[in-house]
C-alpha atoms as a PDB file:
ATOM      1  CA  UNK A   1     -56.320  46.890 -17.123  1.00  0.00           C
ATOM      2  CA  UNK A   2     -58.865  43.958 -16.821  1.00  0.00           C
ATOM      3  CA  UNK A   3     -61.754  46.354 -17.199  1.00  0.00           C
ATOM      4  CA  UNK A   4     -60.114  47.930 -20.245  1.00  0.00           C
ATOM      5  CA  UNK A   5     -59.549  44.722 -22.055  1.00  0.00           C
ATOM      6  CA  UNK A   6     -63.152  43.847 -21.468  1.00  0.00           C
ATOM      7  CA  UNK A   7     -64.250  47.065 -23.076  1.00  0.00           C
ATOM      8  CA  UNK A   8     -61.829  46.433 -26.020  1.00  0.00           C
ATOM      9  CA  UNK A   9     -63.306  42.784 -26.495  1.00  0.00           C
ATOM     10  CA  UNK A  10     -66.938  43.968 -26.414  1.00  0.00           C
ATOM     11  CA  UNK A  11     -66.050  46.674 -28.834  1.00  0.00           C
ATOM     12  CA  UNK A  12     -64.309  44.282 -31.215  1.00  0.00           C
ATOM     13  CA  UNK A  13     -67.387  42.013 -31.314  1.00  0.00           C
ATOM     14  CA  UNK A  14     -69.636  45.034 -32.017  1.00  0.00           C
ATOM     15  CA  UNK A  15     -67.605  46.476 -34.833  1.00  0.00           C
ATOM     16  CA  UNK A  16     -68.157  43.774 -37.480  1.00  0.00           C
ATOM     17  CA  UNK A  17     -70.925  45.310 -39.651  1.00  0.00           C
ATOM     18  CA  UNK A  18     -69.778  46.172 -43.197  1.00  0.00           C
ATOM     19  CA  UNK A  19     -66.237  44.768 -42.906  1.00  0.00           C
ATOM     20  CA  UNK A  20     -64.795  44.657 -46.539  1.00  0.00           C
ATOM     21  CA  UNK A  21     -63.298  42.082 -48.668  1.00  0.00           C
ATOM     22  CA  UNK A  22     -60.263  43.413 -50.607  1.00  0.00           C
ATOM     23  CA  UNK A  23     -62.358  43.313 -53.915  1.00  0.00           C
ATOM     24  CA  UNK A  24     -64.669  45.951 -52.354  1.00  0.00           C
ATOM     25  CA  UNK A  25     -63.286  49.423 -52.656  1.00  0.00           C
ATOM     26  CA  UNK A  26     -65.419  50.713 -49.710  1.00  0.00           C
ATOM     27  CA  UNK A  27     -67.061  49.058 -46.818  1.00  0.00           C
ATOM     28  CA  UNK A  28     -70.675  48.434 -46.809  1.00  0.00           C
ATOM     29  CA  UNK A  29     -72.632  49.898 -44.008  1.00  0.00           C
ATOM     30  CA  UNK A  30     -75.537  48.701 -41.786  1.00  0.00           C
ATOM     31  CA  UNK A  31     -78.942  49.992 -41.884  1.00  0.00           C
ATOM     32  CA  UNK A  32     -81.556  50.877 -39.019  1.00  0.00           C
ATOM     33  CA  UNK A  33     -82.850  47.648 -37.785  1.00  0.00           C
ATOM     34  CA  UNK A  34     -79.969  45.523 -38.602  1.00  0.00           C
ATOM     35  CA  UNK A  35     -79.513  42.863 -35.654  1.00  0.00           C
ATOM     36  CA  UNK A  36     -76.953  40.396 -34.730  1.00  0.00           C
ATOM     37  CA  UNK A  37     -77.473  37.734 -31.988  1.00  0.00           C
ATOM     38  CA  UNK A  38     -74.585  35.965 -30.068  1.00  0.00           C
ATOM     39  CA  UNK A  39     -74.059  33.113 -27.630  1.00  0.00           C
ATOM     40  CA  UNK A  40     -71.077  33.200 -25.229  1.00  0.00           C
ATOM     41  CA  UNK A  41     -69.228  30.096 -24.047  1.00  0.00           C
ATOM     42  CA  UNK A  42     -69.837  31.160 -20.427  1.00  0.00           C
ATOM     43  CA  UNK A  43     -73.715  31.079 -20.843  1.00  0.00           C
ATOM     44  CA  UNK A  44     -74.066  34.706 -21.608  1.00  0.00           C
ATOM     45  CA  UNK A  45     -76.048  35.962 -24.651  1.00  0.00           C
ATOM     46  CA  UNK A  46     -75.887  39.338 -26.540  1.00  0.00           C
ATOM     47  CA  UNK A  47     -77.766  41.255 -29.229  1.00  0.00           C
ATOM     48  CA  UNK A  48     -76.691  44.223 -31.129  1.00  0.00           C
ATOM     49  CA  UNK A  49     -78.930  46.408 -33.081  1.00  0.00           C
ATOM     50  CA  UNK A  50     -78.568  49.445 -35.312  1.00  0.00           C
ATOM     51  CA  UNK A  51     -80.844  52.320 -33.977  1.00  0.00           C
ATOM     52  CA  UNK A  52     -79.668  55.359 -35.983  1.00  0.00           C
ATOM     53  CA  UNK A  53     -77.491  56.172 -39.069  1.00  0.00           C
ATOM     54  CA  UNK A  54     -76.054  59.659 -40.160  1.00  0.00           C
ATOM     55  CA  UNK A  55     -73.576  60.770 -42.603  1.00  0.00           C
ATOM     56  CA  UNK A  56     -71.170  63.763 -42.099  1.00  0.00           C
ATOM     57  CA  UNK A  57     -67.883  64.941 -43.649  1.00  0.00           C
ATOM     58  CA  UNK A  58     -67.563  62.017 -45.888  1.00  0.00           C
ATOM     59  CA  UNK A  59     -68.108  59.445 -43.223  1.00  0.00           C
ATOM     60  CA  UNK A  60     -70.993  57.385 -42.132  1.00  0.00           C
ATOM     61  CA  UNK A  61     -71.973  56.856 -38.631  1.00  0.00           C
ATOM     62  CA  UNK A  62     -74.309  54.140 -37.005  1.00  0.00           C
ATOM     63  CA  UNK A  63     -75.377  54.197 -33.500  1.00  0.00           C
ATOM     64  CA  UNK A  64     -75.543  50.555 -31.951  1.00  0.00           C
ATOM     65  CA  UNK A  65     -77.470  49.376 -28.890  1.00  0.00           C
ATOM     66  CA  UNK A  66     -76.148  46.254 -27.331  1.00  0.00           C
ATOM     67  CA  UNK A  67     -77.814  44.247 -24.782  1.00  0.00           C
ATOM     68  CA  UNK A  68     -76.079  41.615 -22.734  1.00  0.00           C
ATOM     69  CA  UNK A  69     -77.883  38.814 -20.654  1.00  0.00           C
ATOM     70  CA  UNK A  70     -75.988  37.217 -17.853  1.00  0.00           C
ATOM     71  CA  UNK A  71     -78.205  34.765 -15.740  1.00  0.00           C
ATOM     72  CA  UNK A  72     -81.081  36.885 -14.769  1.00  0.00           C
ATOM     73  CA  UNK A  73     -79.368  40.284 -15.164  1.00  0.00           C
ATOM     74  CA  UNK A  74     -79.467  42.423 -18.310  1.00  0.00           C
ATOM     75  CA  UNK A  75     -77.337  45.271 -19.150  1.00  0.00           C
ATOM     76  CA  UNK A  76     -77.375  47.682 -22.045  1.00  0.00           C
ATOM     77  CA  UNK A  77     -74.743  50.120 -23.559  1.00  0.00           C
ATOM     78  CA  UNK A  78     -74.356  52.225 -26.701  1.00  0.00           C
ATOM     79  CA  UNK A  79     -71.461  52.710 -29.228  1.00  0.00           C
ATOM     80  CA  UNK A  80     -70.916  54.220 -32.651  1.00  0.00           C
ATOM     81  CA  UNK A  81     -69.610  52.606 -35.660  1.00  0.00           C
ATOM     82  CA  UNK A  82     -67.549  54.918 -38.113  1.00  0.00           C
ATOM     83  CA  UNK A  83     -67.101  54.064 -41.719  1.00  0.00           C
ATOM     84  CA  UNK A  84     -64.776  55.796 -44.081  1.00  0.00           C
ATOM     85  CA  UNK A  85     -63.086  55.030 -47.379  1.00  0.00           C
ATOM     86  CA  UNK A  86     -60.174  53.553 -45.395  1.00  0.00           C
ATOM     87  CA  UNK A  87     -62.101  51.223 -43.180  1.00  0.00           C
ATOM     88  CA  UNK A  88     -64.288  50.679 -40.086  1.00  0.00           C
ATOM     89  CA  UNK A  89     -63.710  52.174 -36.746  1.00  0.00           C
ATOM     90  CA  UNK A  90     -65.690  51.870 -33.424  1.00  0.00           C
ATOM     91  CA  UNK A  91     -66.029  54.747 -30.818  1.00  0.00           C
ATOM     92  CA  UNK A  92     -67.586  54.118 -27.385  1.00  0.00           C
ATOM     93  CA  UNK A  93     -68.703  57.007 -25.019  1.00  0.00           C
ATOM     94  CA  UNK A  94     -65.942  58.361 -22.747  1.00  0.00           C
ATOM     95  CA  UNK A  95     -66.061  57.455 -19.102  1.00  0.00           C
ATOM     96  CA  UNK A  96     -64.481  59.557 -16.420  1.00  0.00           C
ATOM     97  CA  UNK A  97     -64.744  56.604 -14.236  1.00  0.00           C
ATOM     98  CA  UNK A  98     -62.563  54.217 -16.278  1.00  0.00           C
ATOM     99  CA  UNK A  99     -61.158  55.948 -19.127  1.00  0.00           C
ATOM    100  CA  UNK A 100     -59.332  59.166 -19.239  1.00  0.00           C
ATOM    101  CA  UNK A 101     -59.018  59.463 -23.079  1.00  0.00           C
ATOM    102  CA  UNK A 102     -59.099  56.725 -25.861  1.00  0.00           C
ATOM    103  CA  UNK A 103     -59.249  57.043 -29.664  1.00  0.00           C
ATOM    104  CA  UNK A 104     -61.792  54.961 -31.796  1.00  0.00           C
ATOM    105  CA  UNK A 105     -60.850  51.438 -32.234  1.00  0.00           C
ATOM    106  CA  UNK A 106     -59.793  50.854 -35.850  1.00  0.00           C
ATOM    107  CA  UNK A 107     -61.284  47.335 -36.611  1.00  0.00           C
ATOM    108  CA  UNK A 108     -60.472  46.891 -40.244  1.00  0.00           C
ATOM    109  CA  UNK A 109     -58.636  48.502 -43.064  1.00  0.00           C
ATOM    110  CA  UNK A 110     -59.895  48.217 -46.655  1.00  0.00           C
ATOM    111  CA  UNK A 111     -56.222  47.851 -47.905  1.00  0.00           C
ATOM    112  CA  UNK A 112     -55.263  45.233 -45.408  1.00  0.00           C
ATOM    113  CA  UNK A 113     -53.772  41.943 -46.537  1.00  0.00           C
ATOM    114  CA  UNK A 114     -52.872  38.851 -44.528  1.00  0.00           C
ATOM    115  CA  UNK A 115     -49.882  39.592 -41.984  1.00  0.00           C
ATOM    116  CA  UNK A 116     -50.440  43.441 -42.060  1.00  0.00           C
ATOM    117  CA  UNK A 117     -50.428  45.050 -38.805  1.00  0.00           C
ATOM    118  CA  UNK A 118     -51.968  48.497 -37.631  1.00  0.00           C
ATOM    119  CA  UNK A 119     -52.444  50.475 -34.569  1.00  0.00           C
ATOM    120  CA  UNK A 120     -55.885  49.730 -33.601  1.00  0.00           C
ATOM    121  CA  UNK A 121     -56.288  52.159 -30.561  1.00  0.00           C
ATOM    122  CA  UNK A 122     -54.410  54.290 -28.205  1.00  0.00           C
ATOM    123  CA  UNK A 123     -54.998  56.351 -25.246  1.00  0.00           C
ATOM    124  CA  UNK A 124     -55.102  56.548 -21.462  1.00  0.00           C
ATOM    125  CA  UNK A 125     -57.086  54.608 -18.855  1.00  0.00           C
ATOM    126  CA  UNK A 126     -57.693  55.124 -14.881  1.00  0.00           C
ATOM    127  CA  UNK A 127     -56.541  52.077 -12.959  1.00  0.00           C
ATOM    128  CA  UNK A 128     -57.957  50.847  -9.763  1.00  0.00           C
ATOM    129  CA  UNK A 129     -55.417  52.854  -7.758  1.00  0.00           C
ATOM    130  CA  UNK A 130     -56.783  56.123  -9.548  1.00  0.00           C
ATOM    131  CA  UNK A 131     -53.586  56.566 -11.585  1.00  0.00           C
ATOM    132  CA  UNK A 132     -53.543  57.260 -15.254  1.00  0.00           C
ATOM    133  CA  UNK A 133     -51.744  54.659 -17.593  1.00  0.00           C
ATOM    134  CA  UNK A 134     -51.273  55.071 -21.199  1.00  0.00           C
ATOM    135  CA  UNK A 135     -51.723  52.068 -23.626  1.00  0.00           C
ATOM    136  CA  UNK A 136     -51.718  51.145 -27.255  1.00  0.00           C
ATOM    137  CA  UNK A 137     -53.509  48.245 -29.158  1.00  0.00           C
ATOM    138  CA  UNK A 138     -52.284  46.634 -32.381  1.00  0.00           C
ATOM    139  CA  UNK A 139     -54.441  44.633 -34.952  1.00  0.00           C
ATOM    140  CA  UNK A 140     -53.091  42.111 -37.458  1.00  0.00           C
ATOM    141  CA  UNK A 141     -55.062  40.467 -40.252  1.00  0.00           C
ATOM    142  CA  UNK A 142     -53.701  36.936 -39.844  1.00  0.00           C
ATOM    143  CA  UNK A 143     -55.648  34.888 -42.421  1.00  0.00           C
ATOM    144  CA  UNK A 144     -58.880  34.408 -44.570  1.00  0.00           C
ATOM    145  CA  UNK A 145     -60.905  31.294 -43.449  1.00  0.00           C
ATOM    146  CA  UNK A 146     -64.204  29.518 -43.438  1.00  0.00           C
ATOM    147  CA  UNK A 147     -65.964  29.582 -40.161  1.00  0.00           C
ATOM    148  CA  UNK A 148     -68.996  27.422 -39.221  1.00  0.00           C
ATOM    149  CA  UNK A 149     -71.685  28.622 -36.755  1.00  0.00           C
ATOM    150  CA  UNK A 150     -75.108  27.951 -35.648  1.00  0.00           C
ATOM    151  CA  UNK A 151     -76.158  30.847 -38.014  1.00  0.00           C
ATOM    152  CA  UNK A 152     -74.439  29.235 -41.000  1.00  0.00           C
ATOM    153  CA  UNK A 153     -71.151  28.553 -42.712  1.00  0.00           C
ATOM    154  CA  UNK A 154     -69.254  31.524 -43.679  1.00  0.00           C
ATOM    155  CA  UNK A 155     -66.276  31.254 -46.224  1.00  0.00           C
ATOM    156  CA  UNK A 156     -64.010  34.245 -46.520  1.00  0.00           C
ATOM    157  CA  UNK A 157     -63.909  35.286 -43.052  1.00  0.00           C
ATOM    158  CA  UNK A 158     -61.034  37.717 -41.966  1.00  0.00           C
ATOM    159  CA  UNK A 159     -59.265  36.466 -38.893  1.00  0.00           C
ATOM    160  CA  UNK A 160     -57.983  39.601 -37.045  1.00  0.00           C
ATOM    161  CA  UNK A 161     -55.841  39.296 -33.749  1.00  0.00           C
ATOM    162  CA  UNK A 162     -55.651  42.220 -31.399  1.00  0.00           C
ATOM    163  CA  UNK A 163     -52.550  42.866 -29.074  1.00  0.00           C
ATOM    164  CA  UNK A 164     -52.302  45.019 -25.967  1.00  0.00           C
ATOM    165  CA  UNK A 165     -49.002  46.976 -25.680  1.00  0.00           C
ATOM    166  CA  UNK A 166     -48.800  49.123 -22.428  1.00  0.00           C
ATOM    167  CA  UNK A 167     -46.455  51.904 -23.072  1.00  0.00           C
ATOM    168  CA  UNK A 168     -44.529  50.849 -19.885  1.00  0.00           C
ATOM    169  CA  UNK A 169     -43.920  47.478 -21.388  1.00  0.00           C
ATOM    170  CA  UNK A 170     -42.003  46.321 -24.491  1.00  0.00           C
ATOM    171  CA  UNK A 171     -43.217  47.564 -27.917  1.00  0.00           C
ATOM    172  CA  UNK A 172     -42.976  44.145 -29.475  1.00  0.00           C
ATOM    173  CA  UNK A 173     -46.205  42.301 -30.096  1.00  0.00           C
ATOM    174  CA  UNK A 174     -47.286  39.769 -27.447  1.00  0.00           C
ATOM    175  CA  UNK A 175     -49.269  36.541 -27.914  1.00  0.00           C
ATOM    176  CA  UNK A 176     -52.768  37.476 -28.974  1.00  0.00           C
ATOM    177  CA  UNK A 177     -55.299  37.867 -26.131  1.00  0.00           C
ATOM    178  CA  UNK A 178     -58.388  38.413 -28.659  1.00  0.00           C
ATOM    179  CA  UNK A 179     -59.076  36.981 -32.079  1.00  0.00           C
ATOM    180  CA  UNK A 180     -62.157  38.039 -34.185  1.00  0.00           C
ATOM    181  CA  UNK A 181     -63.427  36.436 -37.393  1.00  0.00           C
ATOM    182  CA  UNK A 182     -65.187  38.954 -39.512  1.00  0.00           C
ATOM    183  CA  UNK A 183     -67.560  38.166 -42.590  1.00  0.00           C
ATOM    184  CA  UNK A 184     -67.664  40.899 -45.259  1.00  0.00           C
ATOM    185  CA  UNK A 185     -71.124  42.379 -45.401  1.00  0.00           C
ATOM    186  CA  UNK A 186     -72.279  40.772 -42.327  1.00  0.00           C
ATOM    187  CA  UNK A 187     -69.980  41.327 -39.269  1.00  0.00           C
ATOM    188  CA  UNK A 188     -68.458  39.348 -36.621  1.00  0.00           C
ATOM    189  CA  UNK A 189     -69.246  35.633 -36.889  1.00  0.00           C
ATOM    190  CA  UNK A 190     -66.927  34.401 -34.054  1.00  0.00           C
ATOM    191  CA  UNK A 191     -64.419  35.804 -31.444  1.00  0.00           C
ATOM    192  CA  UNK A 192     -62.071  34.198 -28.893  1.00  0.00           C
ATOM    193  CA  UNK A 193     -60.360  36.001 -25.897  1.00  0.00           C
ATOM    194  CA  UNK A 194     -58.189  34.675 -23.252  1.00  0.00           C
ATOM    195  CA  UNK A 195     -57.267  36.147 -19.941  1.00  0.00           C
ATOM    196  CA  UNK A 196     -55.833  34.561 -16.835  1.00  0.00           C
ATOM    197  CA  UNK A 197     -55.888  31.100 -18.247  1.00  0.00           C
ATOM    198  CA  UNK A 198     -59.524  31.292 -19.264  1.00  0.00           C
ATOM    199  CA  UNK A 199     -60.932  31.313 -22.673  1.00  0.00           C
ATOM    200  CA  UNK A 200     -64.187  32.921 -23.743  1.00  0.00           C
ATOM    201  CA  UNK A 201     -65.735  32.386 -27.058  1.00  0.00           C
ATOM    202  CA  UNK A 202     -68.605  34.462 -28.648  1.00  0.00           C
ATOM    203  CA  UNK A 203     -70.383  32.901 -31.616  1.00  0.00           C
ATOM    204  CA  UNK A 204     -73.056  34.260 -34.007  1.00  0.00           C
ATOM    205  CA  UNK A 205     -76.457  32.318 -33.624  1.00  0.00           C
ATOM    206  CA  UNK A 206     -78.751  34.535 -35.622  1.00  0.00           C
ATOM    207  CA  UNK A 207     -79.009  37.812 -37.753  1.00  0.00           C
ATOM    208  CA  UNK A 208     -81.430  40.030 -39.580  1.00  0.00           C
ATOM    209  CA  UNK A 209     -79.813  42.528 -41.790  1.00  0.00           C
ATOM    210  CA  UNK A 210     -80.762  44.466 -45.035  1.00  0.00           C
ATOM    211  CA  UNK A 211     -77.739  43.262 -46.728  1.00  0.00           C
ATOM    212  CA  UNK A 212     -77.267  39.724 -45.739  1.00  0.00           C
ATOM    213  CA  UNK A 213     -80.902  38.702 -45.071  1.00  0.00           C
ATOM    214  CA  UNK A 214     -81.984  36.675 -42.046  1.00  0.00           C
ATOM    215  CA  UNK A 215     -80.773  33.437 -40.611  1.00  0.00           C
ATOM    216  CA  UNK A 216     -79.739  31.733 -37.357  1.00  0.00           C
ATOM    217  CA  UNK A 217     -80.574  29.112 -34.653  1.00  0.00           C
ATOM    218  CA  UNK A 218     -83.783  28.845 -32.538  1.00  0.00           C
ATOM    219  CA  UNK A 219     -81.908  30.265 -29.579  1.00  0.00           C
ATOM    220  CA  UNK A 220     -83.855  33.028 -27.926  1.00  0.00           C
ATOM    221  CA  UNK A 221     -81.782  36.127 -27.225  1.00  0.00           C
ATOM    222  CA  UNK A 222     -82.277  39.304 -25.240  1.00  0.00           C
ATOM    223  CA  UNK A 223     -84.093  41.946 -27.002  1.00  0.00           C
ATOM    224  CA  UNK A 224     -85.146  39.775 -29.930  1.00  0.00           C
ATOM    225  CA  UNK A 225     -87.111  36.594 -30.850  1.00  0.00           C
ATOM    226  CA  UNK A 226     -85.705  33.438 -32.203  1.00  0.00           C
ATOM    227  CA  UNK A 227     -83.904  33.518 -35.651  1.00  0.00           C
ATOM    228  CA  UNK A 228     -85.074  31.631 -38.663  1.00  0.00           C
ATOM    229  CA  UNK A 229     -83.354  28.336 -39.155  1.00  0.00           C
ATOM    230  CA  UNK A 230     -80.860  27.511 -41.719  1.00  0.00           C
ATOM    231  CA  UNK A 231     -77.773  29.225 -43.199  1.00  0.00           C
ATOM    232  CA  UNK A 232     -77.544  32.534 -44.984  1.00  0.00           C
END
């Protein structure tokens, strides 16, 4: 389950582009080259970049490359952001080693208002003993807030909490393990996850997007140079 939750946490951070305000009838969508840079409270850093965009059957698909820097090690992965008129979902490649089956992560709904809850993801995963366990995730729009980061101060951020609900446990919502702050037309500006008594925070330190422009701190991230100083 720990590996599964790490995948969910990364997916939620990746899924921020184009998250809509309620006044926007359909989410904005990223363009090739859009880049977000993050610093993690454990000393890691991350960069996400749009490398391909396509349109099919009334939906838009953006391929995202993510690069994670931990000490002297660098890891890379790829995911797909899906936009429809209903909202934003994130799809990661299936892995026979860890996941038997999983649906796209529904990160945001256009029609959501504070306190609305929806099924974010469901599927099966393979545990360390080789057994298959079903799981379900919920998401809830908790509030709309102002968030200050090294990349600027962002009013109107949507605070979404995610709840893991294994099918073998109670169906009631448990205290949130993951909270993500989304800024409309930009993406994730902050996240906080808790596990085994430890808290990990991810903060936006720079960005370069066609819609929001360029801003950030002087921090150097993997796969990209220092961002321009100042807020958006």
